[in-house]
Protein backbone atom coordinates (compact mmCIF):
# COMPACT_ATOMS: atom_id res chain seq x y z
CA MET A 1 -14.49 -26.69 -17.89
CA PRO A 2 -12.88 -22.86 -17.85
CA LEU A 3 -10.54 -22.05 -14.34
CA ALA A 4 -12.36 -20.12 -11.81
CA VAL A 5 -11.24 -16.79 -11.90
CA SER A 6 -12.36 -13.44 -9.97
CA HIS A 7 -10.88 -9.40 -10.65
CA THR A 8 -8.17 -10.54 -8.28
CA ARG A 9 -7.11 -13.45 -10.42
CA LEU A 10 -7.99 -11.49 -13.86
CA GLU A 11 -5.25 -8.93 -12.73
CA ASP A 12 -2.99 -11.18 -11.54
CA TYR A 13 -2.83 -12.81 -15.36
CA ARG A 14 -2.80 -9.40 -16.91
CA ALA A 15 0.29 -8.88 -14.75
CA CYS A 16 2.15 -11.70 -15.15
CA PRO A 17 1.04 -15.23 -16.26
CA GLN A 18 3.97 -17.24 -14.12
CA LEU A 19 2.42 -14.94 -11.18
CA PHE A 20 -0.91 -16.43 -12.03
CA ARG A 21 0.64 -20.01 -12.15
CA TRP A 22 2.13 -19.66 -8.97
CA ARG A 23 -0.27 -18.18 -6.65
CA HIS A 24 -3.62 -19.97 -8.04
CA LEU A 25 -2.54 -23.12 -9.57
CA ASP A 26 0.42 -24.04 -7.74
CA HIS A 27 -0.53 -22.82 -4.64
CA VAL A 28 3.66 -22.18 -4.09
CA PRO A 29 3.82 -20.70 -0.26
CA ALA A 30 4.01 -17.07 0.02
CA GLU A 31 4.99 -14.65 2.88
CA VAL A 32 2.47 -12.10 2.81
CA SER A 33 3.73 -8.70 2.53
CA PRO A 34 3.07 -5.91 4.59
CA TYR A 35 1.25 -3.92 2.14
CA LEU A 36 -0.99 -6.93 1.14
CA LEU A 37 -1.39 -7.21 5.14
CA VAL A 38 -2.28 -3.55 5.90
CA GLY A 39 -4.73 -3.97 2.97
CA ARG A 40 -6.43 -6.94 4.63
CA LEU A 41 -6.76 -5.29 8.01
CA VAL A 42 -8.07 -2.17 6.75
CA HIS A 43 -10.92 -4.01 4.91
CA GLU A 44 -11.61 -6.28 8.05
CA ILE A 45 -11.64 -3.19 10.30
CA ALA A 46 -14.02 -1.13 8.03
CA ALA A 47 -16.65 -4.26 7.72
CA THR A 48 -16.20 -4.77 11.33
CA TYR A 49 -17.17 -0.72 12.19
CA VAL A 50 -20.12 -0.74 9.37
CA ALA A 51 -21.52 -3.61 11.00
CA HIS A 52 -20.96 -2.26 14.76
CA CYS A 53 -22.75 1.09 13.16
CA GLN A 54 -25.91 -0.42 11.41
CA THR A 55 -26.48 -2.48 14.69
CA ALA A 56 -25.77 0.71 16.77
CA GLY A 57 -28.15 2.86 14.55
CA THR A 58 -25.86 5.07 14.66
CA PRO A 59 -24.03 7.44 11.72
CA SER A 60 -20.62 7.24 13.06
CA ASP A 61 -18.39 6.07 15.91
CA PRO A 62 -14.81 7.58 16.02
CA THR A 63 -14.30 5.89 19.48
CA ARG A 64 -15.58 2.32 18.54
CA LEU A 65 -13.53 2.70 15.28
CA GLU A 66 -10.41 3.41 17.32
CA GLN A 67 -11.25 0.13 19.33
CA ILE A 68 -11.86 -1.96 16.55
CA THR A 69 -8.63 -0.94 15.07
CA VAL A 70 -6.77 -2.01 18.42
CA ASP A 71 -8.13 -5.08 18.50
CA LEU A 72 -7.83 -6.40 14.88
CA THR A 73 -4.42 -4.77 14.83
CA ASP A 74 -2.56 -6.50 18.19
CA PRO A 75 -1.35 -9.44 16.76
CA HIS A 76 0.44 -7.25 14.24
CA PRO A 77 2.84 -4.52 16.18
CA ASP A 78 5.02 -3.40 13.36
CA ILE A 79 1.79 -2.40 10.65
CA GLN A 80 -0.32 -1.00 13.96
CA PRO A 81 0.84 2.49 13.12
CA ASP A 82 0.13 2.49 9.30
CA VAL A 83 -3.59 0.73 9.80
CA GLU A 84 -4.37 3.51 12.43
CA ASP A 85 -3.46 6.16 9.47
CA ALA A 86 -5.10 4.01 7.05
CA VAL A 87 -8.39 3.83 8.50
CA GLU A 88 -8.48 7.41 9.67
CA GLY A 89 -11.02 8.57 7.09
CA LEU A 90 -13.63 5.55 8.02
CA ALA A 91 -14.64 8.06 10.99
CA ARG A 92 -15.82 10.38 7.94
CA LEU A 93 -18.21 7.74 6.35
CA THR A 94 -22.15 7.97 7.04
CA ILE A 95 -24.07 5.05 7.77
CA GLU A 96 -27.62 5.74 7.65
CA PRO A 97 -29.24 3.76 10.06
CA SER A 98 -32.54 3.13 7.97
CA VAL A 99 -30.33 1.36 5.20
CA SER A 100 -29.74 -1.91 4.39
CA TYR A 101 -26.23 -2.21 3.23
CA GLY A 102 -24.12 -5.19 2.18
CA ILE A 103 -20.87 -5.62 3.65
CA GLU A 104 -18.06 -7.99 2.52
CA GLU A 105 -20.71 -9.65 0.73
CA GLU A 106 -19.46 -12.73 -1.78
CA PHE A 107 -20.99 -13.70 -4.83
CA ALA A 108 -20.29 -16.73 -7.01
CA PHE A 109 -21.59 -17.83 -10.53
CA THR A 110 -21.25 -20.34 -12.91
CA ASN A 111 -20.10 -20.21 -16.42
CA ALA A 112 -23.96 -19.64 -17.64
CA TRP A 113 -23.96 -16.65 -14.94
CA GLU A 114 -26.28 -18.59 -12.63
CA PRO A 115 -25.69 -18.27 -9.13
CA CYS A 116 -23.81 -21.02 -7.20
CA ALA A 117 -22.20 -21.84 -3.84
CA TRP A 118 -18.75 -19.87 -3.35
CA THR A 119 -16.97 -23.56 -3.10
CA ASP A 120 -19.18 -25.14 -5.78
CA ARG A 121 -17.06 -27.31 -8.29
CA ALA A 122 -19.23 -25.44 -11.25
CA VAL A 123 -17.80 -22.04 -10.10
CA PHE A 124 -16.39 -19.93 -12.52
CA PHE A 125 -16.51 -16.56 -10.96
CA ARG A 126 -16.05 -15.09 -7.51
CA SER A 127 -16.44 -11.75 -6.33
CA LYS A 128 -16.62 -10.19 -3.13
CA ILE A 129 -17.83 -6.67 -2.97
CA ASP A 130 -17.22 -4.39 0.47
CA TYR A 131 -20.13 -2.32 0.41
CA HIS A 132 -23.34 -1.76 -1.57
CA TYR A 133 -27.06 -0.48 -1.02
CA ARG A 134 -29.69 1.36 -2.44
CA ASN A 135 -30.05 4.93 -1.74
CA GLU A 136 -33.21 7.63 -1.97
CA ALA A 137 -32.82 7.62 -5.87
CA GLY A 138 -33.14 4.08 -6.20
CA LEU A 139 -29.35 3.82 -7.53
CA ARG A 140 -27.59 0.87 -6.26
CA VAL A 141 -24.34 2.39 -4.72
CA ILE A 142 -20.70 0.43 -4.56
CA PHE A 143 -17.80 1.07 -2.52
CA ASP A 144 -14.33 -0.25 -2.81
CA PHE A 145 -12.40 0.31 -0.08
CA LYS A 146 -8.74 1.47 -0.76
CA SER A 147 -5.80 2.07 1.88
CA ASP A 148 -3.23 3.63 -1.02
CA GLN A 149 -1.27 6.36 0.27
CA LYS A 150 -2.07 8.23 -3.46
CA LEU A 151 -5.59 9.44 -4.37
CA ALA A 152 -6.36 8.89 -7.64
CA SER A 153 -7.86 11.21 -9.82
CA HIS A 154 -11.06 11.01 -11.14
CA ASP A 155 -10.04 10.13 -14.62
CA GLU A 156 -8.00 7.23 -12.99
CA VAL A 157 -11.39 6.17 -10.91
CA ALA A 158 -13.14 6.33 -14.24
CA GLN A 159 -11.18 3.85 -16.03
CA HIS A 160 -10.82 1.65 -13.12
CA PRO A 161 -11.62 -1.99 -14.33
CA GLN A 162 -12.60 -3.34 -11.08
CA LEU A 163 -15.77 -0.97 -10.60
CA PRO A 164 -17.43 -2.38 -13.80
CA ILE A 165 -16.89 -5.38 -12.62
CA TYR A 166 -18.69 -4.95 -9.53
CA ALA A 167 -21.66 -3.21 -11.28
CA TRP A 168 -22.07 -6.59 -13.57
CA VAL A 169 -21.90 -8.97 -10.72
CA LEU A 170 -24.55 -6.79 -8.62
CA SER A 171 -26.76 -6.74 -11.92
CA LEU A 172 -27.04 -10.66 -11.20
CA ALA A 173 -28.17 -10.30 -8.02
CA VAL A 174 -30.51 -6.88 -7.49
CA PRO A 175 -33.00 -5.08 -9.66
CA GLU A 176 -31.66 -1.70 -9.87
CA GLU A 177 -30.92 -0.58 -13.56
CA ARG A 178 -28.27 1.98 -12.81
CA PHE A 179 -25.00 1.26 -10.66
CA VAL A 180 -22.77 4.46 -9.05
CA ALA A 181 -19.40 2.56 -8.25
CA GLY A 182 -16.71 4.50 -6.94
CA LEU A 183 -13.50 3.83 -4.55
CA TYR A 184 -13.23 4.93 -0.90
CA PHE A 185 -9.84 6.05 0.05
CA THR A 186 -9.55 5.38 3.78
CA ARG A 187 -7.07 7.23 4.60
CA LEU A 188 -8.57 10.66 3.81
CA GLY A 189 -12.32 9.57 4.01
CA VAL A 190 -12.62 10.65 0.41
CA LEU A 191 -15.08 9.08 -2.00
CA ARG A 192 -14.41 9.13 -5.92
CA THR A 193 -17.06 7.63 -8.17
CA ALA A 194 -16.85 6.33 -12.06
CA PRO A 195 -19.98 7.53 -14.22
CA PRO A 196 -23.11 5.72 -13.80
CA PHE A 197 -23.30 2.13 -15.22
CA GLU A 198 -26.58 1.37 -17.26
CA ARG A 199 -27.73 -2.71 -17.24
CA PRO A 200 -27.62 -2.87 -20.24
CA GLN A 201 -24.31 -1.90 -21.21
CA LEU A 202 -22.99 -4.50 -18.68
CA THR A 203 -22.91 -7.33 -20.85
CA ARG A 204 -19.82 -6.00 -22.46
CA VAL A 205 -18.10 -6.42 -19.11
CA ARG A 206 -19.56 -10.29 -18.74
CA ASP A 207 -17.84 -10.65 -22.46
CA ALA A 208 -14.44 -9.26 -21.21
CA ILE A 209 -14.73 -11.72 -18.36
CA GLU A 210 -15.06 -14.57 -20.55
CA ALA A 211 -12.40 -13.65 -23.10
CA GLN A 212 -10.07 -13.17 -20.66
CA ALA A 213 -10.96 -16.24 -18.73
CA ALA A 214 -10.70 -18.39 -22.27
CA LEU A 215 -7.05 -17.00 -22.55
CA ILE A 216 -6.26 -17.99 -18.97
CA ASP A 217 -7.74 -21.17 -19.89
CA ALA A 218 -5.66 -22.10 -23.17
CA ASP A 219 -2.16 -20.62 -21.82
CA ASN A 220 -0.06 -23.75 -21.38
CA ARG A 221 3.33 -21.74 -20.91
CA TRP A 222 2.81 -18.85 -18.24
CA LEU A 223 5.63 -16.76 -19.19
CA PRO A 224 7.18 -14.67 -16.46
CA GLN A 225 6.43 -10.77 -17.27
CA LEU A 226 8.48 -7.68 -15.63
CA GLY A 227 6.79 -4.84 -14.45
CA PRO A 228 5.87 -2.80 -11.75
CA HIS A 229 4.02 -5.33 -9.99
CA CYS A 230 7.33 -7.18 -9.29
CA THR A 231 8.06 -4.78 -6.58
CA ARG A 232 5.13 -6.33 -4.81
CA CYS A 233 5.91 -10.01 -5.80
CA PRO A 234 5.97 -12.30 -3.14
CA TYR A 235 7.92 -15.01 -5.67
CA THR A 236 10.83 -12.57 -6.94
CA ARG A 237 13.30 -14.83 -5.00
CA GLN A 238 12.45 -18.01 -7.36
CA CYS A 239 11.60 -15.86 -10.50
CA ARG A 240 14.37 -16.26 -13.01
CA ALA A 241 13.54 -13.29 -15.05
CA PHE A 242 13.21 -11.03 -11.82
CA GLN A 243 17.02 -12.18 -10.90
CA SER A 244 18.20 -11.63 -14.26
CA ALA A 245 16.49 -7.99 -14.28
CA LEU A 246 18.71 -7.41 -10.87
CA LYS A 247 21.86 -7.43 -12.92
CA LEU A 248 23.06 -3.63 -13.71
CA GLY A 249 23.00 -2.98 -17.45
CA SER A 250 26.30 -3.00 -18.94
CA ALA A 251 26.49 0.63 -20.79
CA PRO A 252 28.29 3.05 -18.56
CA VAL A 253 25.98 5.85 -20.25
CA LEU A 254 22.39 5.63 -20.90
CA GLN A 255 21.70 6.41 -24.37
CA THR A 256 18.13 5.64 -25.30
CA ASP A 257 14.54 6.01 -23.55
CA GLU A 258 14.74 2.55 -23.58
CA GLU A 259 17.55 2.05 -22.02
CA ALA A 260 16.33 4.71 -19.36
CA ARG A 261 13.06 2.91 -18.95
CA GLU A 262 15.32 -0.39 -18.54
CA GLU A 263 17.38 0.99 -15.78
CA ALA A 264 14.35 2.81 -14.00
CA GLN A 265 12.92 -0.85 -13.64
CA ARG A 266 16.16 -2.43 -12.40
CA ARG A 267 16.31 0.11 -9.84
CA ALA A 268 12.77 -0.51 -8.38
CA LEU A 269 13.59 -4.27 -8.58
CA LEU A 270 16.79 -3.78 -6.60
CA GLN A 271 14.94 -1.50 -4.13
CA LYS A 272 12.52 -4.41 -3.46
CA ASP A 273 15.06 -6.91 -2.83
CA LEU A 274 16.95 -4.98 -0.42
CA LYS A 275 13.69 -3.92 1.52
CA ASP A 276 13.30 -7.38 1.60
CA ALA A 277 16.86 -8.55 2.98
CA GLU A 278 16.63 -5.64 5.37
CA SER A 279 13.50 -7.26 6.84
CA ARG A 280 15.06 -10.52 6.97
CA LEU A 281 18.30 -9.37 8.60
CA ARG A 282 16.92 -6.96 11.36
CA ALA A 283 14.82 -10.09 12.11
CA TRP A 284 17.78 -12.34 12.79
CA ALA A 285 19.89 -9.38 14.29
CA GLU A 286 16.79 -8.87 17.03
CA VAL A 287 17.73 -12.56 18.08
CA HIS A 288 20.99 -13.28 17.07
CA GLY A 289 23.15 -9.87 17.40
CA PRO A 290 25.49 -8.38 15.03
CA ILE A 291 26.17 -9.72 11.68
CA PRO A 292 29.96 -9.54 10.63
CA VAL A 293 30.31 -8.43 6.72
CA GLY A 294 33.54 -8.65 6.61
CA GLU A 295 36.90 -5.68 6.77
CA GLY A 296 36.05 -5.66 10.19
CA GLU A 297 32.40 -4.49 10.55
CA GLU A 298 29.18 -5.57 11.53
CA LEU A 299 25.48 -5.12 10.26
CA GLY A 300 23.51 -5.01 13.66
CA PHE A 301 21.77 -2.24 16.03
CA HIS A 302 23.90 0.50 17.00
CA PRO A 303 23.56 3.55 19.46
CA LYS A 304 24.14 6.85 17.25
CA THR A 305 24.42 9.99 19.42
CA GLN A 306 24.09 13.74 17.88
CA GLN A 307 23.38 16.79 19.40
CA VAL A 308 19.51 18.01 19.56
CA PHE A 309 18.71 21.34 20.13
CA GLY A 310 15.72 21.14 22.35
CA ASP A 311 14.37 24.92 22.83
CA VAL A 312 14.71 25.56 18.82
CA GLU A 313 12.91 29.20 19.72
CA VAL A 314 15.90 30.38 21.57
CA VAL A 315 18.27 28.65 19.23
CA VAL A 316 16.99 30.95 16.35
CA LYS A 317 16.52 34.10 18.11
CA GLN A 318 20.59 33.69 18.82
CA LEU A 319 21.27 33.06 15.17
CA LEU A 320 19.21 36.10 14.16
CA ALA A 321 20.79 38.24 16.50
CA LEU A 322 24.34 36.78 15.38
CA GLY A 323 23.36 38.20 11.88
CA VAL A 324 22.15 34.92 10.20
CA PRO A 325 19.63 36.29 7.20
CA ARG A 326 16.21 34.77 8.66
CA GLU A 327 15.29 32.75 5.15
CA ALA A 328 18.66 31.06 5.77
CA VAL A 329 17.49 29.82 9.48
CA TRP A 330 14.06 28.98 8.12
CA GLY A 331 15.75 26.73 5.41
CA GLU A 332 17.68 24.83 7.81
CA LEU A 333 14.97 23.79 10.30
CA SER A 334 15.09 21.34 11.89
CA LEU A 335 17.99 22.31 13.01
CA SER A 336 21.41 20.02 13.67
CA LYS A 337 24.95 20.19 14.93
CA ALA A 338 26.06 20.30 11.11
CA ALA A 339 23.02 22.73 10.14
CA ILE A 340 24.52 25.21 13.14
CA GLU A 341 27.72 25.13 11.82
CA ARG A 342 26.69 25.82 8.04
CA LEU A 343 24.92 29.05 9.28
CA LEU A 344 28.05 30.12 10.95
CA LYS A 345 30.31 29.69 8.42
CA GLY A 346 31.62 33.30 8.34
CA LYS A 347 34.90 33.41 10.09
CA GLU A 348 33.76 36.69 12.10
CA GLN A 349 30.88 34.34 13.51
CA ARG A 350 33.12 31.34 14.44
CA PRO A 351 33.96 32.64 17.92
CA GLN A 352 30.06 32.65 18.66
CA LEU A 353 29.51 28.94 17.59
CA GLY A 354 30.14 27.11 21.02
CA GLU A 355 27.68 29.32 22.64
CA VAL A 356 24.96 28.45 20.15
CA LEU A 357 26.12 24.70 20.66
CA ARG A 358 26.01 24.78 24.23
CA MET A 359 22.18 24.98 23.94
CA ALA A 360 22.40 21.19 22.51
CA HIS A 361 22.38 18.00 24.65
CA PRO A 362 22.94 14.54 23.67
CA GLU A 363 20.12 12.33 22.47
CA THR A 364 20.84 8.67 21.65
CA ARG A 365 18.95 6.44 19.30
CA THR A 366 19.87 2.88 17.79
CA GLU A 367 19.59 2.60 14.52
CA PHE A 368 20.43 -0.60 12.01
CA SER A 369 23.58 -0.02 10.29
CA VAL A 370 26.88 -1.01 9.39
CA ALA A 371 29.47 -0.36 11.77
CA ARG A 372 33.44 -0.92 13.02
CA ILE A 373 33.57 -4.19 15.64
CA ARG A 374 34.10 -3.34 18.44
CA GLU A 375 36.97 -4.93 20.46
């Protein structure tokens, strides 16, 4: 019997067969990345909020949305600000009290595309749909909530592989003949839809799912495949292909498009590995203190003091009075001591530098960095 699949599993296999095996067959333990956790919380908040509006009979309730967000993110203070930003656009979503919505609804089918329980031993395909309803025109409308920073273009939405799958799944459960599927970007409150799907054309989606499932079922090598997905993969430390890719290229100067592409990919992988290391080191230093790194230096949380100008307007007026061009001042905002010195670099203006710098006051912040070990 073929392995049970879903849109997520198909995407994982297309990205990297080794990732598919480790995550879905071997169930190799992996830490949930902040990116993935934010996405999960956004979906949970959206489902709770829509259910509340439907029960309360109100089209929107920003105050309740804010409280739901606080309640669900309270155990995750590190990512709470990002989640708050990510759900801001949900307040623009209008919930019609008279409409019956499907919210985070689960669907499961056998390989004959007959409905079955989610945990049925004969399950072949599973899908969870964020949000769907029948509109006044008799179309089945489907949303998938996205917490991405970037707003996808209309062409990108039209080509999104998830949307026809959702339309196919619902065609097996509801009587409508036309389906409008789209992505709701929760940060911006923007919905973008693909062209409508007609029921007869959705059999092609079924055929594509079955063909991909057959490829997965026949695979016995599970080869790694490097790509942009590596920057979010939880298994990079175990992946030999990833670790090999971290080694910098031997050519001192890039000569071809292929070398440039590979170097750019290595750079992305290094950044991901560095970000992971930074997170682990911060957590260690918070508990155990600074970490010696040799040459009399240590990595940890160190105070950093800089001169800060509280009343920027007064400083700007003073600089303009000293003859600094207006466009030069605007280009340096926000202001710092280094910026002020650059603006007053003319010898005839140096005597007035002290007068301007006296407007600043010291401000100390803690930053995570390498510093000399204090005796």
